[in-house]
Amino acid sequence: MMKSPQPIKIAILAMGGEGGGVLADWIVDLGEHSGHLAQTTSVPGVAQRTGATIYYVELFSETQAAADGGKPILALMPLPGDVDVILASELMEAGRAVQRGLATPGRSTMIASTHRVYSIAEKSAMGDGRVDSAELLALAARSAKRFIGFDMAQAAEESGSVISAVLFGALAGSGVLPFSRSQFEATIERGGLGVKPSLKAFGRAFEQAQRDPQSAEESAEPVLEQPAPAPREPVVRALIDRVQKDFPRSAHHLVLEGVRRLLDYQDARYAALYLDRLDKVRVLPTNDSERLLKATARHLALWMSYEDTARVAALKTRASRFDRVRGEARVQAGQVLAINEYMHPRLQEICETLPAPLGRWLMKPGLARRLVERMTREGRVIQTSSLRGFLMLRCVAMAKRWRMSTTRYAEENRLIETWVERIVRIAIVNPALAAEIAECQRLVKGYSDTHERGLRNYETVMAAADRAGASLSPAMVRELRDAALADEHGNKLRTVLVQHALA
C-alpha cells in the first residue's frame, strides 16, 4: 500500500526573548513564498527558564495538495516520533525535545545550540545541580538521525544578530528543506528589520552546518599546561615557590587557585595560613593522599573565603562585574546602565562585620540595637551604578581590613580548625573516609539564612558521624551529605538519620 504524502513537520524549542516566534514566522513565510501551505502554532512556557515555548510548523506542497484534490489538514502540536526537524535554541532545550520523544533516530534532524543557560532547578539546587553538557550532547546525537550542533549564541553575538538568525542559517545549511539558500535569504530581507546582521549570522551558520562533522576527539582542543604565575610582589612569589616546592605537581593547579583566591579575599598572611593548614594533610603517610589533598585544598579555600558582608560588597562593586553585566545586557555606546541591588542585612550580619568588641556591644539590648534594628527592618534598593551607591558598598567592602578581629572570623576559624583536625585524625586510619569528610564542606555555603541552614546541616552530619563511631563508612558519610543537599528543610537528612539509627 502506497503511503500518502506527509507535510514537513518542524518543532522549535526556544526560551523567551530568543526570537523563537520570529524563526517560526520566517519558516512560514519561506514556505508560503515557495509554493507551500503553512501553519504555525505555539504553546508558551510558564517563564523564561521554567518552561520554554514550543513553536510548531507544518509545510505541505500546494502542488501536491492540488493533485490530491483539496487542502490538507495540518496538526496543531508535534507528536512523539513524528517530527522531521527539531530546532533548539540551547542545549537543555535539545534535551527537552528528546525527553518529550520528539527526536527519532531514523527520521529527525536536530539542530541545536551547544551553549548552556542553566535552568532554575540547576541553579537553585543546594549541591551541584548542573546537568552534564557532554551527556546532553551525546544524548542528542544518539536520539536523532542527524545532529548539527555548535555554539550559536556566540555566533549570534559575533555577528551582531540574534540566535534565531543563526538557527535559520543552520536549517538552510542542513539541506533538510526543499528550498534554496537564496529563498531563505529572501525571507530575511522581506522582514525588513536588522537585515544586514541577520544575513551575516545566517551565512556563518549556513557554512557551519555544511561542514563534515568531526569526532569529539578530532574537534577537541588540546589541553595546554597552564604557565606558572609570575607575580612581582616578593611575598606572593614566596607563596608560589612554596607550593611548587612542597606540593605534588598534580595538585599545583588547585593549591595555586586556593592561594590566588585567598590573596584576593584577604592578604598574603591569610594565604600562608591556608598552606599551613594544607601541610597537615600533605605530610600524611596515606595510600590515597592525592585525592585527599585535592579535596581538602579545594574545600579549605572555599571555606576560608566565606561570604560575609565585606566580601559580598566587594564582589558587587568590581569592575569585572560591571563589565559582565554590560555585556549580558548588550549595552550599546551612548546607553546608560543602572544596576539596582536589593540589600537586606540583618543585625547579626552587621555586628559580625564590626570589630568584635563593637559587634558584641551592638548585640546587647539597648538604644543602639533598637535603632539599628529599626533601620534594617526592611530591605532597601541600592543603585551600585550611581556614585552614592557605589561608595556606600565600597565602604562596606573596606571592612575586610579588620575581618580577622571579628566574631564571625573567630567562629569560622574554630569550625575550620576542627574540620581540618578531624580530617587528619581520620586519614591516618581511613583516607577514603577522610576524603568524604572533606567533601562535607559543600554543605556550608552562601550567607544569611542560606549559610545558617547549611551550617546546621553540616553540624548535624558531623554529630551523626561521631555517634556512628567505628561503624562509620565513606558510603554512609556520602549518603548523609547527599541527603543534606537534597532539600533546604532537612527532611531527607532526618529520614536517613532515622534509617541508620543516628537520629
Protein backbone atom coordinates (compact mmCIF):
# COMPACT_ATOMS: atom_id res chain seq x y z
CA MET A 1 0.00 0.00 0.00
CA MET A 2 1.47 3.39 -1.06
CA LYS A 3 1.96 5.86 1.76
CA SER A 4 0.21 9.21 1.26
CA PRO A 5 2.39 12.35 1.10
CA GLN A 6 3.07 13.89 4.51
CA PRO A 7 3.70 17.51 5.50
CA ILE A 8 7.15 18.65 6.66
CA LYS A 9 6.95 18.82 10.44
CA ILE A 10 9.18 21.26 12.33
CA ALA A 11 9.36 21.80 16.10
CA ILE A 12 11.12 24.82 17.58
CA LEU A 13 12.06 24.90 21.27
CA ALA A 14 13.23 28.30 22.48
CA MET A 15 13.38 30.37 25.64
CA GLY A 16 11.59 33.67 26.00
CA GLY A 17 13.28 36.55 24.24
CA GLU A 18 15.33 34.38 21.86
CA GLY A 19 13.22 35.03 18.78
CA GLY A 20 11.53 31.64 18.52
CA GLY A 21 8.40 33.34 17.21
CA VAL A 22 10.42 35.23 14.60
CA LEU A 23 12.05 31.97 13.48
CA ALA A 24 8.65 30.28 13.16
CA ASP A 25 7.32 33.25 11.16
CA TRP A 26 10.36 33.11 8.85
CA ILE A 27 9.76 29.41 8.16
CA VAL A 28 6.08 30.07 7.44
CA ASP A 29 6.93 32.98 5.14
CA LEU A 30 9.58 30.87 3.40
CA GLY A 31 7.10 28.09 2.77
CA GLU A 32 4.29 30.34 1.55
CA HIS A 33 6.58 32.16 -0.91
CA SER A 34 7.93 28.84 -2.16
CA GLY A 35 4.74 27.07 -3.13
CA HIS A 36 3.77 25.50 0.20
CA LEU A 37 0.82 25.72 2.53
CA ALA A 38 1.97 26.57 6.05
CA GLN A 39 0.57 26.54 9.55
CA THR A 40 2.17 27.52 12.85
CA THR A 41 1.08 27.24 16.46
CA SER A 42 2.81 27.85 19.77
CA VAL A 43 2.45 26.79 23.38
CA PRO A 44 4.12 29.34 25.68
CA GLY A 45 6.11 28.23 28.67
CA VAL A 46 5.45 29.32 32.24
CA ALA A 47 8.54 31.53 32.38
CA GLN A 48 11.77 32.13 30.53
CA ARG A 49 13.54 29.15 32.04
CA THR A 50 10.99 27.04 33.87
CA GLY A 51 9.20 26.21 30.64
CA ALA A 52 10.34 27.07 27.13
CA THR A 53 7.90 27.90 24.36
CA ILE A 54 7.33 25.24 21.71
CA TYR A 55 6.57 26.51 18.22
CA TYR A 56 5.29 24.01 15.68
CA VAL A 57 5.23 24.48 11.93
CA GLU A 58 3.87 22.20 9.21
CA LEU A 59 4.52 22.77 5.49
CA PHE A 60 2.69 20.99 2.65
CA SER A 61 3.27 21.40 -1.08
CA GLU A 62 0.49 23.32 -2.85
CA THR A 63 1.14 21.23 -5.96
CA GLN A 64 0.63 18.03 -4.02
CA ALA A 65 -2.48 19.44 -2.37
CA ALA A 66 -3.95 20.30 -5.80
CA ALA A 67 -3.13 16.81 -7.05
CA ASP A 68 -4.88 15.34 -4.02
CA GLY A 69 -7.96 17.43 -4.77
CA GLY A 70 -8.13 19.55 -1.65
CA LYS A 71 -6.33 21.23 1.25
CA PRO A 72 -4.56 19.10 3.83
CA ILE A 73 -5.49 19.07 7.50
CA LEU A 74 -2.39 20.18 9.38
CA ALA A 75 -1.72 19.33 13.01
CA LEU A 76 -1.55 21.87 15.82
CA MET A 77 1.05 20.15 18.00
CA PRO A 78 4.06 17.88 17.47
CA LEU A 79 3.61 14.22 18.31
CA PRO A 80 6.32 11.96 19.73
CA GLY A 81 8.15 10.16 16.96
CA ASP A 82 6.50 12.26 14.24
CA VAL A 83 8.81 15.27 13.77
CA ASP A 84 11.17 15.83 10.84
CA VAL A 85 13.18 18.80 12.10
CA ILE A 86 13.89 19.97 15.64
CA LEU A 87 15.39 23.41 16.27
CA ALA A 88 16.63 24.05 19.82
CA SER A 89 17.97 27.42 20.95
CA GLU A 90 20.02 25.91 23.79
CA LEU A 91 21.44 22.52 24.72
CA MET A 92 18.95 21.86 27.52
CA GLU A 93 16.12 22.50 25.06
CA ALA A 94 17.55 19.76 22.87
CA GLY A 95 17.41 17.52 25.93
CA ARG A 96 13.79 18.50 26.50
CA ALA A 97 12.98 17.57 22.91
CA VAL A 98 14.47 14.13 23.47
CA GLN A 99 12.62 13.79 26.77
CA ARG A 100 9.33 14.59 25.02
CA GLY A 101 10.05 11.90 22.44
CA LEU A 102 10.17 14.35 19.53
CA ALA A 103 13.53 13.12 18.22
CA THR A 104 13.61 9.87 16.25
CA PRO A 105 16.90 8.16 15.31
CA GLY A 106 15.63 7.03 11.92
CA ARG A 107 13.94 10.28 10.94
CA SER A 108 14.65 13.52 12.78
CA THR A 109 17.26 16.15 12.03
CA MET A 110 18.13 18.02 15.22
CA ILE A 111 19.76 21.45 15.03
CA ALA A 112 20.76 22.86 18.40
CA SER A 113 23.00 25.42 20.00
CA THR A 114 25.53 23.82 22.32
CA HIS A 115 25.74 26.74 24.77
CA ARG A 116 24.09 26.43 28.18
CA VAL A 117 21.68 28.64 30.09
CA TYR A 118 21.23 26.92 33.42
CA SER A 119 17.68 26.17 34.48
CA ILE A 120 16.10 27.36 37.71
CA ALA A 121 16.29 23.82 39.10
CA GLU A 122 20.02 23.63 38.29
CA LYS A 123 20.83 26.99 39.85
CA SER A 124 18.68 26.62 42.96
CA ALA A 125 19.97 23.16 43.90
CA MET A 126 21.79 23.12 47.24
CA GLY A 127 24.51 20.98 45.70
CA ASP A 128 25.84 20.93 42.16
CA GLY A 129 22.58 20.59 40.25
CA ARG A 130 24.04 21.12 36.79
CA VAL A 131 23.24 18.61 34.09
CA ASP A 132 26.39 17.35 32.37
CA SER A 133 26.66 19.08 28.96
CA ALA A 134 28.67 16.21 27.48
CA GLU A 135 25.90 13.79 28.38
CA LEU A 136 23.30 16.08 26.82
CA LEU A 137 25.33 16.27 23.60
CA ALA A 138 25.72 12.50 23.45
CA LEU A 139 22.00 12.03 24.12
CA ALA A 140 21.04 14.44 21.35
CA ALA A 141 23.39 12.77 18.86
CA ARG A 142 22.03 9.29 19.68
CA SER A 143 18.41 10.33 19.54
CA ALA A 144 18.36 11.92 16.09
CA LYS A 145 19.14 10.68 12.61
CA ARG A 146 21.38 13.72 12.16
CA PHE A 147 22.61 16.18 14.75
CA ILE A 148 24.01 19.62 13.94
CA GLY A 149 25.30 21.49 16.95
CA PHE A 150 27.63 24.41 17.67
CA ASP A 151 27.66 27.49 19.89
CA MET A 152 25.00 29.56 18.17
CA ALA A 153 24.84 32.17 20.94
CA GLN A 154 28.48 33.04 20.29
CA ALA A 155 27.88 33.12 16.53
CA ALA A 156 24.96 35.48 17.04
CA GLU A 157 26.94 37.77 19.32
CA GLU A 158 29.93 37.94 16.98
CA SER A 159 27.59 38.71 14.08
CA GLY A 160 25.70 41.38 15.99
CA SER A 161 22.45 39.49 15.48
CA VAL A 162 20.16 37.11 17.39
CA ILE A 163 20.15 33.34 17.73
CA SER A 164 17.03 32.92 15.58
CA ALA A 165 19.01 34.08 12.51
CA VAL A 166 21.73 31.54 13.31
CA LEU A 167 19.20 28.72 13.65
CA PHE A 168 17.62 29.77 10.36
CA GLY A 169 21.02 29.64 8.66
CA ALA A 170 21.81 26.22 10.13
CA LEU A 171 18.42 24.98 8.94
CA ALA A 172 19.23 26.19 5.42
CA GLY A 173 22.71 24.68 5.53
CA SER A 174 21.39 21.31 6.65
CA GLY A 175 19.60 20.88 3.31
CA VAL A 176 16.70 19.17 5.01
CA LEU A 177 14.10 21.53 3.50
CA PRO A 178 13.41 21.68 -0.27
CA PHE A 179 14.37 25.36 -0.57
CA SER A 180 17.49 27.11 -1.85
CA ARG A 181 19.77 29.44 0.07
CA SER A 182 18.52 32.41 -1.93
CA GLN A 183 14.94 31.62 -0.90
CA PHE A 184 15.98 31.60 2.76
CA GLU A 185 17.85 34.89 2.41
CA ALA A 186 14.92 36.50 0.60
CA THR A 187 12.76 35.65 3.61
CA ILE A 188 15.08 37.61 5.93
CA GLU A 189 15.11 40.55 3.52
CA ARG A 190 11.31 40.64 3.44
CA GLY A 191 11.32 41.02 7.23
CA GLY A 192 12.90 44.46 6.85
CA LEU A 193 14.42 44.69 10.36
CA GLY A 194 18.07 44.02 11.16
CA VAL A 195 18.56 42.54 7.72
CA LYS A 196 22.31 43.04 7.41
CA PRO A 197 23.39 41.47 10.73
CA SER A 198 20.79 38.73 10.32
CA LEU A 199 22.19 37.81 6.92
CA LYS A 200 25.70 37.81 8.35
CA ALA A 201 24.67 35.43 11.13
CA PHE A 202 22.71 33.35 8.63
CA GLY A 203 25.71 32.97 6.31
CA ARG A 204 28.03 31.96 9.11
CA ALA A 205 25.62 29.30 10.36
CA PHE A 206 24.93 28.05 6.82
CA GLU A 207 28.62 27.33 6.28
CA GLN A 208 29.00 25.76 9.72
CA ALA A 209 26.09 23.38 9.12
CA GLN A 210 27.54 22.20 5.81
CA ARG A 211 30.89 21.17 7.26
CA ASP A 212 31.58 17.50 7.78
CA PRO A 213 31.01 16.61 11.44
CA GLN A 214 34.14 15.82 13.40
CA SER A 215 34.53 13.31 16.12
CA ALA A 216 34.83 14.58 19.67
CA GLU A 217 38.48 13.55 19.68
CA GLU A 218 39.22 15.48 16.48
CA SER A 219 37.31 18.61 17.43
CA ALA A 220 38.58 18.85 20.98
CA GLU A 221 41.30 21.39 21.53
CA PRO A 222 44.50 20.10 23.10
CA VAL A 223 44.77 20.71 26.80
CA LEU A 224 47.69 23.02 27.38
CA GLU A 225 49.51 23.15 30.68
CA GLN A 226 48.95 26.47 32.40
CA PRO A 227 52.13 28.51 32.80
CA ALA A 228 53.20 29.16 36.38
CA PRO A 229 52.18 32.60 37.65
CA ALA A 230 54.96 35.15 37.91
CA PRO A 231 53.91 37.85 40.40
CA ARG A 232 56.01 40.92 41.12
CA GLU A 233 55.49 41.09 44.89
CA PRO A 234 58.16 39.05 46.76
CA VAL A 235 55.69 37.85 49.41
CA VAL A 236 53.37 36.42 46.73
CA ARG A 237 56.32 34.95 44.84
CA ALA A 238 57.35 33.19 48.04
CA LEU A 239 53.89 31.61 48.37
CA ILE A 240 54.03 30.29 44.82
CA ASP A 241 57.53 28.94 45.30
CA ARG A 242 56.34 27.17 48.42
CA VAL A 243 53.50 25.49 46.50
CA GLN A 244 55.78 24.40 43.67
CA LYS A 245 58.43 23.10 46.05
CA ASP A 246 56.33 21.35 48.73
CA PHE A 247 53.19 20.11 46.99
CA PRO A 248 52.87 17.37 44.36
CA ARG A 249 52.64 18.58 40.78
CA SER A 250 49.21 17.03 40.29
CA ALA A 251 47.78 19.35 42.97
CA HIS A 252 49.50 22.56 41.87
CA HIS A 253 46.55 23.96 39.92
CA LEU A 254 44.15 23.53 42.84
CA VAL A 255 46.51 24.80 45.52
CA LEU A 256 47.62 27.79 43.44
CA GLU A 257 43.99 28.67 42.79
CA GLY A 258 43.36 28.50 46.52
CA VAL A 259 46.28 30.85 47.15
CA ARG A 260 45.01 33.26 44.49
CA ARG A 261 41.51 33.22 45.93
CA LEU A 262 42.67 33.94 49.48
CA LEU A 263 45.08 36.67 48.40
CA ASP A 264 42.12 38.34 46.75
CA TYR A 265 39.88 37.64 49.74
CA GLN A 266 42.26 38.89 52.45
CA ASP A 267 46.05 39.08 52.16
CA ALA A 268 49.31 37.10 51.88
CA ARG A 269 49.31 36.20 55.58
CA TYR A 270 45.90 34.61 55.20
CA ALA A 271 47.02 32.67 52.10
CA ALA A 272 50.03 31.43 54.08
CA LEU A 273 47.65 30.17 56.78
CA TYR A 274 45.87 28.22 54.03
CA LEU A 275 49.14 26.48 53.09
CA ASP A 276 49.94 25.81 56.74
CA ARG A 277 46.65 24.00 57.14
CA LEU A 278 47.17 22.06 53.92
CA ASP A 279 50.61 20.97 55.10
CA LYS A 280 48.93 18.94 57.84
CA VAL A 281 47.23 16.86 55.15
CA ARG A 282 50.16 16.85 52.71
CA VAL A 283 52.54 15.13 55.13
CA LEU A 284 50.14 12.30 55.99
CA PRO A 285 51.53 8.84 55.07
CA THR A 286 48.35 7.61 53.33
CA ASN A 287 47.81 5.43 50.27
CA ASP A 288 45.25 7.80 48.72
CA SER A 289 46.98 11.05 49.59
CA GLU A 290 46.41 12.74 46.20
CA ARG A 291 42.62 12.51 46.32
CA LEU A 292 42.52 13.62 49.94
CA LEU A 293 44.89 16.54 49.34
CA LYS A 294 42.91 17.77 46.32
CA ALA A 295 39.58 17.55 48.14
CA THR A 296 40.97 19.39 51.16
CA ALA A 297 42.71 22.04 49.04
CA ARG A 298 39.52 22.86 47.18
CA HIS A 299 37.13 22.94 50.11
CA LEU A 300 39.53 24.64 52.51
CA ALA A 301 39.93 27.54 50.08
CA LEU A 302 36.15 27.80 49.74
CA TRP A 303 35.57 27.75 53.48
CA MET A 304 38.32 30.24 54.27
CA SER A 305 36.77 32.67 51.77
CA TYR A 306 33.34 32.52 53.44
CA GLU A 307 30.88 35.16 52.29
CA ASP A 308 30.48 37.93 54.81
CA THR A 309 29.08 41.39 54.10
CA ALA A 310 32.51 42.77 53.20
CA ARG A 311 33.01 40.01 50.64
CA VAL A 312 29.57 40.49 49.09
CA ALA A 313 30.05 44.25 48.86
CA ALA A 314 33.47 43.79 47.23
CA LEU A 315 32.10 41.40 44.60
CA LYS A 316 29.20 43.69 43.75
CA THR A 317 31.45 46.70 43.12
CA ARG A 318 34.15 45.08 40.99
CA ALA A 319 34.91 46.48 37.56
CA SER A 320 34.74 42.96 36.12
CA ARG A 321 31.16 42.62 37.37
CA PHE A 322 30.10 45.88 35.74
CA ASP A 323 31.72 44.74 32.50
CA ARG A 324 29.94 41.37 32.70
CA VAL A 325 26.54 42.97 33.33
CA ARG A 326 27.08 45.42 30.47
CA GLY A 327 27.94 42.52 28.20
CA GLU A 328 24.94 40.45 29.27
CA ALA A 329 22.61 43.42 28.82
CA ARG A 330 24.29 44.24 25.49
CA VAL A 331 24.61 47.91 26.38
CA GLN A 332 25.38 49.99 23.32
CA ALA A 333 27.50 53.13 23.11
CA GLY A 334 25.57 56.11 24.45
CA GLN A 335 23.24 53.96 26.56
CA VAL A 336 23.09 54.32 30.34
CA LEU A 337 23.12 51.21 32.54
CA ALA A 338 21.53 51.25 36.00
CA ILE A 339 22.20 48.36 38.40
CA ASN A 340 19.91 48.08 41.40
CA GLU A 341 20.85 45.80 44.29
CA TYR A 342 18.31 44.61 46.84
CA MET A 343 20.04 44.59 50.23
CA HIS A 344 18.57 43.38 53.50
CA PRO A 345 21.35 42.98 56.09
CA ARG A 346 20.30 41.66 59.47
CA LEU A 347 21.56 42.98 62.79
CA GLN A 348 23.67 39.85 63.28
CA GLU A 349 25.43 40.32 59.94
CA ILE A 350 26.15 43.96 60.72
CA CYS A 351 27.61 43.03 64.12
CA GLU A 352 29.71 40.27 62.55
CA THR A 353 31.26 42.83 60.20
CA LEU A 354 32.38 45.11 63.02
CA PRO A 355 35.43 44.55 65.27
CA ALA A 356 34.49 42.00 67.93
CA PRO A 357 34.17 44.39 70.93
CA LEU A 358 31.98 46.80 68.97
CA GLY A 359 29.91 43.98 67.48
CA ARG A 360 29.27 42.41 70.90
CA TRP A 361 28.29 45.82 72.30
CA LEU A 362 25.81 46.41 69.49
CA MET A 363 24.21 43.00 70.01
CA LYS A 364 23.34 43.85 73.62
CA PRO A 365 19.80 45.14 74.29
CA GLY A 366 19.73 48.90 74.30
CA LEU A 367 19.07 52.07 72.35
CA ALA A 368 21.81 51.42 69.75
CA ARG A 369 20.47 47.95 68.95
CA ARG A 370 16.87 49.15 68.68
CA LEU A 371 17.95 51.97 66.37
CA VAL A 372 19.87 49.64 64.03
CA GLU A 373 17.03 47.10 64.03
CA ARG A 374 14.57 49.83 63.10
CA MET A 375 16.80 50.99 60.24
CA THR A 376 17.29 47.46 58.91
CA ARG A 377 13.75 46.17 59.43
CA GLU A 378 13.02 46.41 55.73
CA GLY A 379 15.32 45.85 52.80
CA ARG A 380 16.43 48.67 50.59
CA VAL A 381 17.49 49.08 46.98
CA ILE A 382 20.97 50.45 46.37
CA GLN A 383 21.97 51.58 42.89
CA THR A 384 25.59 50.49 42.60
CA SER A 385 25.89 52.19 39.22
CA SER A 386 25.45 55.55 40.97
CA LEU A 387 28.30 57.29 42.79
CA ARG A 388 26.46 57.26 46.12
CA GLY A 389 25.52 53.59 45.98
CA PHE A 390 28.95 52.55 44.75
CA LEU A 391 30.79 54.44 47.51
CA MET A 392 28.41 53.05 50.13
CA LEU A 393 29.26 49.46 49.21
CA ARG A 394 32.95 50.21 48.80
CA CYS A 395 32.99 51.44 52.40
CA VAL A 396 31.43 48.15 53.48
CA ALA A 397 33.99 46.24 51.40
CA MET A 398 36.81 48.04 53.25
CA ALA A 399 35.73 46.22 56.41
CA LYS A 400 37.97 43.34 55.28
CA ARG A 401 40.82 45.23 56.96
CA TRP A 402 39.58 44.17 60.39
CA ARG A 403 37.92 40.91 59.26
CA MET A 404 40.29 38.76 61.33
CA SER A 405 39.30 40.59 64.52
CA THR A 406 35.56 39.96 64.12
CA THR A 407 33.38 37.46 65.96
CA ARG A 408 32.43 35.91 62.63
CA TYR A 409 36.06 35.16 61.82
CA ALA A 410 36.62 33.64 65.26
CA GLU A 411 33.65 31.29 64.78
CA GLU A 412 34.55 30.32 61.20
CA ASN A 413 38.18 29.81 62.21
CA ARG A 414 37.12 27.48 65.04
CA LEU A 415 34.96 25.41 62.68
CA ILE A 416 37.70 25.20 60.06
CA GLU A 417 40.35 24.12 62.56
CA THR A 418 38.03 21.43 63.93
CA TRP A 419 37.29 20.22 60.40
CA VAL A 420 40.98 20.02 59.45
CA GLU A 421 41.84 18.19 62.68
CA ARG A 422 39.04 15.70 62.03
CA ILE A 423 40.34 15.04 58.51
CA VAL A 424 43.89 14.48 59.74
CA ARG A 425 42.80 12.20 62.57
CA ILE A 426 40.60 10.02 60.36
CA ALA A 427 43.06 9.95 57.42
CA ILE A 428 45.61 8.05 59.50
CA VAL A 429 43.31 5.01 59.61
CA ASN A 430 40.89 5.57 56.71
CA PRO A 431 41.92 8.02 53.94
CA ALA A 432 38.76 7.37 51.88
CA LEU A 433 36.58 8.31 54.85
CA ALA A 434 38.68 11.44 55.45
CA ALA A 435 38.12 12.50 51.83
CA GLU A 436 34.35 12.19 52.31
CA ILE A 437 34.59 14.29 55.47
CA ALA A 438 36.49 16.92 53.46
CA GLU A 439 33.69 16.95 50.87
CA CYS A 440 31.17 17.78 53.61
CA GLN A 441 32.33 21.39 53.44
CA ARG A 442 29.95 21.64 50.47
CA LEU A 443 27.15 21.95 53.00
CA VAL A 444 28.48 25.29 54.30
CA LYS A 445 27.87 27.99 51.71
CA GLY A 446 26.30 31.35 50.99
CA TYR A 447 25.40 33.93 53.59
CA SER A 448 22.47 34.93 55.80
CA ASP A 449 19.74 32.27 56.07
CA THR A 450 21.38 30.07 53.44
CA HIS A 451 24.58 29.90 55.46
CA GLU A 452 22.72 29.18 58.69
CA ARG A 453 20.81 26.26 57.13
CA GLY A 454 23.95 24.84 55.57
CA LEU A 455 25.95 25.12 58.79
CA ARG A 456 23.13 23.47 60.72
CA ASN A 457 23.12 20.53 58.30
CA TYR A 458 26.91 20.27 58.45
CA GLU A 459 26.92 20.11 62.23
CA THR A 460 24.13 17.53 62.13
CA VAL A 461 26.15 15.33 59.78
CA MET A 462 29.31 15.67 61.88
CA ALA A 463 27.40 14.84 65.06
CA ALA A 464 25.93 11.77 63.36
CA ALA A 465 29.42 10.74 62.25
CA ASP A 466 30.61 10.94 65.86
CA ARG A 467 27.67 8.83 67.04
CA ALA A 468 28.34 6.21 64.34
CA GLY A 469 31.83 5.61 65.72
CA ALA A 470 33.58 2.56 64.30
CA SER A 471 30.62 1.73 62.04
CA LEU A 472 31.10 4.97 60.08
CA SER A 473 31.98 4.31 56.43
CA PRO A 474 32.71 6.52 53.40
CA ALA A 475 29.41 5.42 51.84
CA MET A 476 27.48 6.44 54.96
CA VAL A 477 29.04 9.91 55.05
CA ARG A 478 28.32 10.33 51.34
CA GLU A 479 24.70 9.29 51.87
CA LEU A 480 24.28 11.73 54.75
CA ARG A 481 25.86 14.56 52.75
CA ASP A 482 23.70 13.90 49.69
CA ALA A 483 20.61 13.81 51.89
CA ALA A 484 21.54 17.17 53.43
CA LEU A 485 21.89 18.64 49.93
CA ALA A 486 18.59 17.18 48.75
CA ASP A 487 16.34 19.84 50.32
CA GLU A 488 16.82 23.03 52.30
CA HIS A 489 14.47 21.98 55.10
CA GLY A 490 16.47 18.87 56.08
CA ASN A 491 13.59 16.41 55.66
CA LYS A 492 15.65 13.93 53.63
CA LEU A 493 18.53 14.15 56.10
CA ARG A 494 16.25 13.37 59.03
CA THR A 495 14.89 10.34 57.17
CA VAL A 496 18.39 8.96 56.51
CA LEU A 497 19.44 9.57 60.12
CA VAL A 498 16.47 7.53 61.30
CA GLN A 499 17.30 4.74 58.83
CA HIS A 500 20.82 4.47 60.26
CA ALA A 501 19.60 4.87 63.86
CA LEU A 502 21.64 8.07 64.21
CA ALA A 503 18.81 10.49 64.97
